[in-house]
Amino acid sequence: MTDVNMPKETVAALKDFTNKVLKGRNGKAFEDATVYRTQGGELPNASQRRILVDENGNIKIEGDKMLFVTIDDAAHQVYFYEKRGGAAKNAEIISFKIPASLAKEIKANGIEQDLGKSNPTKPQISDPTKSTGAYGLPKEYIQKLQEQAIKGTGKVEKP
């Protein structure tokens, strides 16, 4: 590779652009979406701990029953965190990144909850009066979340 005679500012701008667009995914441009889930708390407002985050920020989803999450709406999860009793009741907010394409697929295939029994493989729109990103995900989408979660992005938060 030979050097091209470019001003340092141009080279820096190109590197910055490249880093923003090509986040290491085989050179393919993509954007991320953030998945949130509040877990824990005390009965009667507790929620099962279904998403585990390891020390490297990788996630593991346990079980294949409907998983309720929120996509790109942290405020909705803070509401549930407070409802579950917050840190005082051992609640936590799990977050991790997925490709925007998967988030779009979930949203595009979302159906109203009352249609869930007749469409058991579709994401269910959950709590639409409080969030545009809340979904119940069936096992098919739980598997997609697990497979497409961006490695190292998992976090456990106790605001």
N, C-alpha and C. Protein backbone atom coordinates (compact mmCIF):
# COMPACT_ATOMS: atom_id res chain seq x y z
N MET A 1 0.85 -1.18 0.00
CA MET A 1 0.00 0.00 0.00
C MET A 1 0.88 1.23 0.00
N THR A 2 0.56 2.17 -0.83
CA THR A 2 1.35 3.40 -0.90
C THR A 2 0.57 4.53 -0.25
N ASP A 3 1.33 5.47 0.28
CA ASP A 3 0.70 6.63 0.90
C ASP A 3 0.17 7.56 -0.18
N VAL A 4 -0.95 8.15 0.10
CA VAL A 4 -1.53 9.14 -0.80
C VAL A 4 -1.29 10.49 -0.16
N ASN A 5 -0.94 11.45 -0.93
CA ASN A 5 -0.65 12.77 -0.40
C ASN A 5 -1.96 13.50 -0.10
N MET A 6 -2.45 13.34 1.15
CA MET A 6 -3.69 13.99 1.60
C MET A 6 -3.41 14.78 2.86
N PRO A 7 -4.14 15.86 3.05
CA PRO A 7 -3.98 16.61 4.30
C PRO A 7 -4.36 15.72 5.49
N LYS A 8 -3.68 15.93 6.63
CA LYS A 8 -3.93 15.14 7.83
C LYS A 8 -5.39 15.20 8.26
N GLU A 9 -6.02 16.35 8.10
CA GLU A 9 -7.43 16.51 8.49
C GLU A 9 -8.34 15.59 7.66
N THR A 10 -8.02 15.45 6.38
CA THR A 10 -8.81 14.58 5.50
C THR A 10 -8.65 13.12 5.91
N VAL A 11 -7.42 12.73 6.18
CA VAL A 11 -7.15 11.36 6.62
C VAL A 11 -7.88 11.08 7.92
N ALA A 12 -7.81 12.01 8.88
CA ALA A 12 -8.49 11.84 10.17
C ALA A 12 -10.01 11.74 9.98
N ALA A 13 -10.55 12.58 9.12
CA ALA A 13 -11.99 12.55 8.87
C ALA A 13 -12.42 11.23 8.23
N LEU A 14 -11.61 10.73 7.30
CA LEU A 14 -11.92 9.44 6.67
C LEU A 14 -11.86 8.29 7.68
N LYS A 15 -10.85 8.30 8.55
CA LYS A 15 -10.75 7.27 9.59
C LYS A 15 -11.95 7.32 10.52
N ASP A 16 -12.35 8.53 10.92
CA ASP A 16 -13.50 8.68 11.81
C ASP A 16 -14.76 8.15 11.14
N PHE A 17 -14.95 8.52 9.88
CA PHE A 17 -16.12 8.05 9.13
C PHE A 17 -16.11 6.53 9.05
N THR A 18 -14.97 5.95 8.72
CA THR A 18 -14.84 4.50 8.60
C THR A 18 -15.17 3.82 9.92
N ASN A 19 -14.65 4.35 11.01
CA ASN A 19 -14.92 3.75 12.32
C ASN A 19 -16.40 3.81 12.68
N LYS A 20 -17.07 4.88 12.29
CA LYS A 20 -18.49 5.01 12.60
C LYS A 20 -19.35 4.08 11.75
N VAL A 21 -18.96 3.90 10.51
CA VAL A 21 -19.80 3.13 9.58
C VAL A 21 -19.48 1.64 9.59
N LEU A 22 -18.22 1.29 9.67
CA LEU A 22 -17.82 -0.11 9.54
C LEU A 22 -17.45 -0.70 10.89
N LYS A 23 -18.29 -0.87 11.77
CA LYS A 23 -17.97 -1.28 13.13
C LYS A 23 -17.46 -2.71 13.21
N GLY A 24 -16.64 -3.12 12.29
CA GLY A 24 -15.97 -4.41 12.39
C GLY A 24 -16.79 -5.61 12.00
N ARG A 25 -17.94 -5.44 11.45
CA ARG A 25 -18.78 -6.58 11.09
C ARG A 25 -18.50 -6.96 9.65
N ASN A 26 -17.37 -7.60 9.42
CA ASN A 26 -16.98 -8.06 8.08
C ASN A 26 -17.03 -6.94 7.04
N GLY A 27 -16.77 -5.73 7.49
CA GLY A 27 -16.75 -4.62 6.56
C GLY A 27 -18.11 -4.16 6.09
N LYS A 28 -19.18 -4.68 6.66
CA LYS A 28 -20.52 -4.29 6.24
C LYS A 28 -21.03 -3.17 7.15
N ALA A 29 -21.59 -2.16 6.54
CA ALA A 29 -22.12 -1.05 7.33
C ALA A 29 -23.40 -1.50 8.05
N PHE A 30 -23.56 -1.03 9.26
CA PHE A 30 -24.77 -1.33 10.01
C PHE A 30 -24.97 -0.33 11.13
N GLU A 31 -26.14 -0.33 11.68
CA GLU A 31 -26.44 0.46 12.86
C GLU A 31 -26.90 -0.52 13.92
N ASP A 32 -26.85 -0.07 15.16
CA ASP A 32 -27.28 -0.91 16.27
C ASP A 32 -28.59 -0.42 16.85
N ALA A 33 -29.30 -1.33 17.48
CA ALA A 33 -30.46 -0.99 18.31
C ALA A 33 -30.17 -1.57 19.69
N THR A 34 -30.76 -0.99 20.72
CA THR A 34 -30.54 -1.47 22.07
C THR A 34 -31.78 -2.18 22.58
N VAL A 35 -31.57 -3.38 23.13
CA VAL A 35 -32.63 -4.17 23.74
C VAL A 35 -32.51 -4.00 25.25
N TYR A 36 -33.64 -3.77 25.92
CA TYR A 36 -33.67 -3.61 27.37
C TYR A 36 -34.64 -4.63 27.98
N ARG A 37 -34.32 -5.08 29.18
CA ARG A 37 -35.24 -5.92 29.95
C ARG A 37 -34.98 -5.67 31.43
N THR A 38 -36.06 -5.41 32.17
CA THR A 38 -35.95 -5.28 33.63
C THR A 38 -36.26 -6.64 34.23
N GLN A 39 -35.41 -7.06 35.17
CA GLN A 39 -35.54 -8.37 35.80
C GLN A 39 -35.39 -8.21 37.31
N GLY A 40 -35.88 -9.23 38.02
CA GLY A 40 -35.71 -9.26 39.47
C GLY A 40 -36.82 -8.51 40.16
N GLY A 41 -36.50 -8.01 41.36
CA GLY A 41 -37.52 -7.36 42.18
C GLY A 41 -38.13 -8.37 43.14
N GLU A 42 -39.15 -7.93 43.84
CA GLU A 42 -39.84 -8.79 44.79
C GLU A 42 -41.28 -8.98 44.38
N LEU A 43 -41.82 -10.14 44.75
CA LEU A 43 -43.23 -10.42 44.47
C LEU A 43 -44.09 -9.38 45.16
N PRO A 44 -45.17 -8.98 44.60
CA PRO A 44 -45.84 -9.53 43.41
C PRO A 44 -45.35 -8.91 42.10
N ASN A 45 -44.38 -8.01 42.15
CA ASN A 45 -43.94 -7.30 40.95
C ASN A 45 -42.64 -7.82 40.37
N ALA A 46 -42.22 -9.00 40.76
CA ALA A 46 -40.94 -9.54 40.28
C ALA A 46 -41.04 -10.02 38.84
N SER A 47 -39.90 -10.06 38.19
CA SER A 47 -39.79 -10.57 36.84
C SER A 47 -38.64 -11.57 36.81
N GLN A 48 -38.83 -12.69 36.14
CA GLN A 48 -37.79 -13.72 36.08
C GLN A 48 -36.50 -13.18 35.48
N ARG A 49 -35.38 -13.69 36.00
CA ARG A 49 -34.07 -13.36 35.45
C ARG A 49 -33.81 -14.31 34.28
N ARG A 50 -34.09 -13.83 33.09
CA ARG A 50 -33.98 -14.67 31.90
C ARG A 50 -32.75 -14.37 31.06
N ILE A 51 -32.21 -13.16 31.19
CA ILE A 51 -31.04 -12.78 30.40
C ILE A 51 -29.86 -12.63 31.35
N LEU A 52 -28.83 -13.42 31.10
CA LEU A 52 -27.61 -13.37 31.90
C LEU A 52 -26.53 -12.66 31.09
N VAL A 53 -25.71 -11.87 31.78
CA VAL A 53 -24.60 -11.16 31.14
C VAL A 53 -23.31 -11.63 31.80
N ASP A 54 -22.37 -12.14 30.99
CA ASP A 54 -21.11 -12.61 31.57
C ASP A 54 -20.13 -11.45 31.73
N GLU A 55 -18.96 -11.75 32.28
CA GLU A 55 -17.96 -10.72 32.58
C GLU A 55 -17.42 -10.03 31.34
N ASN A 56 -17.64 -10.62 30.16
CA ASN A 56 -17.18 -10.03 28.90
C ASN A 56 -18.28 -9.26 28.18
N GLY A 57 -19.46 -9.15 28.81
CA GLY A 57 -20.56 -8.42 28.19
C GLY A 57 -21.33 -9.23 27.17
N ASN A 58 -21.18 -10.56 27.20
CA ASN A 58 -21.94 -11.42 26.31
C ASN A 58 -23.20 -11.89 27.02
N ILE A 59 -24.26 -12.10 26.27
CA ILE A 59 -25.54 -12.47 26.88
C ILE A 59 -25.89 -13.93 26.61
N LYS A 60 -26.70 -14.46 27.52
CA LYS A 60 -27.28 -15.79 27.37
C LYS A 60 -28.73 -15.67 27.81
N ILE A 61 -29.64 -16.11 26.97
CA ILE A 61 -31.07 -16.05 27.29
C ILE A 61 -31.52 -17.43 27.71
N GLU A 62 -32.13 -17.51 28.87
CA GLU A 62 -32.62 -18.79 29.39
C GLU A 62 -34.11 -18.94 29.11
N GLY A 63 -34.50 -20.15 28.76
CA GLY A 63 -35.90 -20.45 28.51
C GLY A 63 -36.36 -20.03 27.13
N ASP A 64 -37.52 -20.59 26.73
CA ASP A 64 -38.05 -20.24 25.42
C ASP A 64 -39.50 -19.78 25.47
N LYS A 65 -39.99 -19.48 26.66
CA LYS A 65 -41.33 -18.89 26.78
C LYS A 65 -41.24 -17.41 26.43
N MET A 66 -42.37 -16.79 26.16
CA MET A 66 -42.43 -15.39 25.75
C MET A 66 -41.48 -14.53 26.60
N LEU A 67 -40.65 -13.75 25.93
CA LEU A 67 -39.68 -12.87 26.59
C LEU A 67 -40.08 -11.43 26.31
N PHE A 68 -40.34 -10.67 27.36
CA PHE A 68 -40.76 -9.28 27.20
C PHE A 68 -39.55 -8.36 27.29
N VAL A 69 -39.37 -7.56 26.23
CA VAL A 69 -38.24 -6.64 26.12
C VAL A 69 -38.74 -5.32 25.54
N THR A 70 -37.87 -4.33 25.60
CA THR A 70 -38.13 -3.05 24.95
C THR A 70 -36.95 -2.75 24.05
N ILE A 71 -37.25 -2.23 22.87
CA ILE A 71 -36.22 -1.88 21.91
C ILE A 71 -36.11 -0.36 21.82
N ASP A 72 -34.91 0.14 22.09
CA ASP A 72 -34.59 1.57 21.99
C ASP A 72 -35.51 2.47 22.81
N ASP A 73 -35.92 2.02 23.99
CA ASP A 73 -36.74 2.85 24.87
C ASP A 73 -36.34 2.60 26.32
N ALA A 74 -35.23 3.21 26.72
CA ALA A 74 -34.71 3.03 28.09
C ALA A 74 -35.70 3.55 29.12
N ALA A 75 -36.42 4.63 28.83
CA ALA A 75 -37.34 5.21 29.79
C ALA A 75 -38.43 4.22 30.20
N HIS A 76 -38.87 3.40 29.27
CA HIS A 76 -39.89 2.40 29.58
C HIS A 76 -39.35 1.40 30.58
N GLN A 77 -38.09 1.05 30.47
CA GLN A 77 -37.51 0.09 31.41
C GLN A 77 -37.27 0.71 32.78
N VAL A 78 -36.98 1.99 32.83
CA VAL A 78 -36.85 2.66 34.13
C VAL A 78 -38.18 2.61 34.86
N TYR A 79 -39.29 2.78 34.14
CA TYR A 79 -40.62 2.65 34.72
C TYR A 79 -40.78 1.27 35.36
N PHE A 80 -40.41 0.21 34.64
CA PHE A 80 -40.53 -1.16 35.19
C PHE A 80 -39.54 -1.39 36.33
N TYR A 81 -38.37 -0.82 36.22
CA TYR A 81 -37.37 -0.94 37.28
C TYR A 81 -37.93 -0.38 38.59
N GLU A 82 -38.54 0.79 38.51
CA GLU A 82 -39.14 1.39 39.71
C GLU A 82 -40.33 0.57 40.19
N LYS A 83 -41.12 0.06 39.27
CA LYS A 83 -42.28 -0.77 39.62
C LYS A 83 -41.84 -2.05 40.34
N ARG A 84 -40.69 -2.57 39.97
CA ARG A 84 -40.17 -3.80 40.58
C ARG A 84 -39.41 -3.53 41.87
N GLY A 85 -39.31 -2.26 42.27
CA GLY A 85 -38.69 -1.92 43.54
C GLY A 85 -37.28 -1.41 43.46
N GLY A 86 -36.73 -1.29 42.26
CA GLY A 86 -35.39 -0.74 42.08
C GLY A 86 -34.31 -1.56 42.76
N ALA A 87 -33.19 -0.92 43.03
CA ALA A 87 -32.04 -1.59 43.64
C ALA A 87 -32.38 -2.13 45.03
N ALA A 88 -33.26 -1.44 45.74
CA ALA A 88 -33.63 -1.89 47.09
C ALA A 88 -34.27 -3.27 47.07
N LYS A 89 -34.90 -3.62 45.98
CA LYS A 89 -35.56 -4.93 45.85
C LYS A 89 -34.82 -5.84 44.89
N ASN A 90 -33.56 -5.50 44.58
CA ASN A 90 -32.69 -6.32 43.74
C ASN A 90 -33.16 -6.44 42.29
N ALA A 91 -33.78 -5.38 41.79
CA ALA A 91 -34.14 -5.34 40.37
C ALA A 91 -32.94 -4.83 39.58
N GLU A 92 -32.93 -5.12 38.29
CA GLU A 92 -31.84 -4.67 37.43
C GLU A 92 -32.35 -4.51 36.01
N ILE A 93 -31.67 -3.65 35.26
CA ILE A 93 -31.99 -3.47 33.85
C ILE A 93 -30.84 -4.09 33.05
N ILE A 94 -31.19 -5.01 32.19
CA ILE A 94 -30.23 -5.63 31.28
C ILE A 94 -30.36 -4.91 29.95
N SER A 95 -29.24 -4.60 29.33
CA SER A 95 -29.27 -4.02 27.99
C SER A 95 -28.17 -4.65 27.15
N PHE A 96 -28.43 -4.71 25.85
CA PHE A 96 -27.42 -5.19 24.90
C PHE A 96 -27.83 -4.71 23.51
N LYS A 97 -26.89 -4.76 22.61
CA LYS A 97 -27.11 -4.27 21.25
C LYS A 97 -27.41 -5.42 20.29
N ILE A 98 -28.25 -5.10 19.32
CA ILE A 98 -28.55 -6.00 18.20
C ILE A 98 -28.45 -5.18 16.92
N PRO A 99 -28.28 -5.82 15.77
CA PRO A 99 -28.30 -5.07 14.52
C PRO A 99 -29.66 -4.40 14.32
N ALA A 100 -29.65 -3.20 13.76
CA ALA A 100 -30.89 -2.48 13.50
C ALA A 100 -31.82 -3.30 12.61
N SER A 101 -31.24 -4.13 11.75
CA SER A 101 -32.07 -4.95 10.85
C SER A 101 -32.97 -5.91 11.63
N LEU A 102 -32.46 -6.46 12.73
CA LEU A 102 -33.30 -7.36 13.55
C LEU A 102 -34.38 -6.56 14.27
N ALA A 103 -34.04 -5.39 14.77
CA ALA A 103 -35.05 -4.54 15.42
C ALA A 103 -36.16 -4.19 14.44
N LYS A 104 -35.79 -3.86 13.21
CA LYS A 104 -36.78 -3.54 12.18
C LYS A 104 -37.66 -4.75 11.87
N GLU A 105 -37.06 -5.93 11.83
CA GLU A 105 -37.82 -7.15 11.57
C GLU A 105 -38.84 -7.39 12.68
N ILE A 106 -38.42 -7.22 13.92
CA ILE A 106 -39.33 -7.42 15.06
C ILE A 106 -40.49 -6.45 14.96
N LYS A 107 -40.19 -5.18 14.70
CA LYS A 107 -41.24 -4.16 14.61
C LYS A 107 -42.17 -4.41 13.42
N ALA A 108 -41.60 -4.80 12.29
CA ALA A 108 -42.41 -5.04 11.08
C ALA A 108 -43.34 -6.23 11.24
N ASN A 109 -42.93 -7.22 12.04
CA ASN A 109 -43.74 -8.42 12.21
C ASN A 109 -44.60 -8.41 13.47
N GLY A 110 -44.52 -7.32 14.24
CA GLY A 110 -45.28 -7.24 15.48
C GLY A 110 -46.78 -7.23 15.25
N ILE A 111 -47.48 -7.97 16.11
CA ILE A 111 -48.94 -8.03 16.05
C ILE A 111 -49.51 -7.65 17.42
N GLU A 112 -50.78 -7.31 17.44
CA GLU A 112 -51.43 -7.01 18.72
C GLU A 112 -51.49 -8.28 19.56
N GLN A 113 -51.40 -8.12 20.87
CA GLN A 113 -51.35 -9.29 21.76
C GLN A 113 -52.58 -10.18 21.63
N ASP A 114 -53.73 -9.62 21.37
CA ASP A 114 -54.92 -10.46 21.26
C ASP A 114 -54.91 -11.37 20.03
N LEU A 115 -53.95 -11.16 19.12
CA LEU A 115 -53.80 -12.03 17.95
C LEU A 115 -52.68 -13.06 18.16
N GLY A 116 -52.07 -13.05 19.32
CA GLY A 116 -50.93 -13.91 19.60
C GLY A 116 -51.21 -15.40 19.53
N LYS A 117 -52.36 -15.83 20.02
CA LYS A 117 -52.65 -17.27 20.00
C LYS A 117 -52.79 -17.80 18.58
N SER A 118 -53.31 -16.98 17.69
CA SER A 118 -53.45 -17.45 16.31
C SER A 118 -52.18 -17.21 15.48
N ASN A 119 -51.22 -16.48 16.05
CA ASN A 119 -49.94 -16.21 15.37
C ASN A 119 -48.79 -16.41 16.37
N PRO A 120 -48.58 -17.64 16.84
CA PRO A 120 -47.64 -17.87 17.94
C PRO A 120 -46.17 -17.62 17.63
N THR A 121 -45.81 -17.47 16.36
CA THR A 121 -44.40 -17.24 16.02
C THR A 121 -44.09 -15.76 15.77
N LYS A 122 -45.07 -14.90 15.97
CA LYS A 122 -44.89 -13.46 15.71
C LYS A 122 -44.62 -12.71 17.01
N PRO A 123 -43.81 -11.64 16.95
CA PRO A 123 -43.64 -10.78 18.12
C PRO A 123 -44.97 -10.11 18.45
N GLN A 124 -45.22 -9.94 19.74
CA GLN A 124 -46.46 -9.29 20.18
C GLN A 124 -46.16 -7.88 20.67
N ILE A 125 -46.92 -6.93 20.17
CA ILE A 125 -46.79 -5.55 20.63
C ILE A 125 -47.31 -5.49 22.06
N SER A 126 -46.48 -5.02 22.96
CA SER A 126 -46.81 -5.04 24.37
C SER A 126 -46.85 -3.60 24.90
N ASP A 127 -47.87 -3.28 25.66
CA ASP A 127 -47.94 -1.98 26.33
C ASP A 127 -47.85 -0.80 25.36
N PRO A 128 -48.64 -0.80 24.26
CA PRO A 128 -48.50 0.24 23.24
C PRO A 128 -48.87 1.65 23.71
N THR A 129 -49.59 1.76 24.83
CA THR A 129 -49.93 3.10 25.32
C THR A 129 -48.77 3.75 26.06
N LYS A 130 -47.75 2.94 26.42
CA LYS A 130 -46.61 3.48 27.17
C LYS A 130 -45.29 3.45 26.39
N SER A 131 -45.21 2.63 25.33
CA SER A 131 -43.97 2.53 24.57
C SER A 131 -44.26 2.05 23.15
N THR A 132 -43.46 2.56 22.21
CA THR A 132 -43.57 2.07 20.83
C THR A 132 -42.56 0.96 20.57
N GLY A 133 -41.79 0.58 21.61
CA GLY A 133 -40.76 -0.43 21.41
C GLY A 133 -40.89 -1.64 22.30
N ALA A 134 -42.04 -1.83 22.96
CA ALA A 134 -42.21 -2.95 23.88
C ALA A 134 -42.83 -4.14 23.15
N TYR A 135 -42.15 -5.30 23.28
CA TYR A 135 -42.59 -6.51 22.58
C TYR A 135 -42.46 -7.74 23.46
N GLY A 136 -43.37 -8.69 23.25
CA GLY A 136 -43.22 -10.03 23.77
C GLY A 136 -42.69 -10.87 22.63
N LEU A 137 -41.57 -11.54 22.87
CA LEU A 137 -40.93 -12.30 21.79
C LEU A 137 -41.09 -13.80 21.99
N PRO A 138 -41.61 -14.49 20.98
CA PRO A 138 -41.73 -15.95 21.05
C PRO A 138 -40.35 -16.60 20.86
N LYS A 139 -40.29 -17.91 21.03
CA LYS A 139 -39.00 -18.61 21.01
C LYS A 139 -38.22 -18.38 19.72
N GLU A 140 -38.88 -18.24 18.59
CA GLU A 140 -38.17 -18.03 17.33
C GLU A 140 -37.36 -16.73 17.37
N TYR A 141 -37.93 -15.72 17.99
CA TYR A 141 -37.23 -14.43 18.09
C TYR A 141 -36.25 -14.41 19.26
N ILE A 142 -36.51 -15.19 20.28
CA ILE A 142 -35.53 -15.32 21.37
C ILE A 142 -34.25 -15.90 20.79
N GLN A 143 -34.39 -16.89 19.94
CA GLN A 143 -33.22 -17.51 19.30
C GLN A 143 -32.49 -16.49 18.43
N LYS A 144 -33.24 -15.66 17.69
CA LYS A 144 -32.60 -14.64 16.86
C LYS A 144 -31.86 -13.62 17.72
N LEU A 145 -32.47 -13.22 18.84
CA LEU A 145 -31.78 -12.30 19.75
C LEU A 145 -30.47 -12.89 20.23
N GLN A 146 -30.53 -14.14 20.67
CA GLN A 146 -29.35 -14.82 21.18
C GLN A 146 -28.25 -14.89 20.11
N GLU A 147 -28.63 -15.25 18.91
CA GLU A 147 -27.66 -15.42 17.82
C GLU A 147 -27.08 -14.10 17.32
N GLN A 148 -27.90 -13.04 17.33
CA GLN A 148 -27.47 -11.78 16.72
C GLN A 148 -27.05 -10.72 17.72
N ALA A 149 -27.14 -11.02 19.01
CA ALA A 149 -26.67 -10.04 20.01
C ALA A 149 -25.22 -9.70 19.71
N ILE A 150 -24.90 -8.44 19.73
CA ILE A 150 -23.54 -8.01 19.42
C ILE A 150 -22.65 -8.28 20.64
N LYS A 151 -21.66 -9.10 20.42
CA LYS A 151 -20.78 -9.56 21.50
C LYS A 151 -20.15 -8.39 22.25
N GLY A 152 -20.12 -8.53 23.58
CA GLY A 152 -19.47 -7.54 24.41
C GLY A 152 -20.29 -6.32 24.74
N THR A 153 -21.56 -6.27 24.31
CA THR A 153 -22.37 -5.07 24.55
C THR A 153 -23.33 -5.21 25.73
N GLY A 154 -23.40 -6.38 26.33
CA GLY A 154 -24.33 -6.61 27.44
C GLY A 154 -23.93 -5.85 28.69
N LYS A 155 -24.94 -5.28 29.36
CA LYS A 155 -24.72 -4.51 30.59
C LYS A 155 -25.80 -4.86 31.60
N VAL A 156 -25.44 -4.78 32.87
CA VAL A 156 -26.40 -4.90 33.97
C VAL A 156 -26.37 -3.54 34.68
N GLU A 157 -27.52 -2.90 34.75
CA GLU A 157 -27.58 -1.57 35.35
C GLU A 157 -28.59 -1.53 36.48
N LYS A 158 -28.24 -0.76 37.49
CA LYS A 158 -29.12 -0.50 38.62
C LYS A 158 -29.13 1.02 38.84
N PRO A 159 -29.95 1.72 38.03
CA PRO A 159 -29.92 3.20 38.06
C PRO A 159 -30.16 3.79 39.44
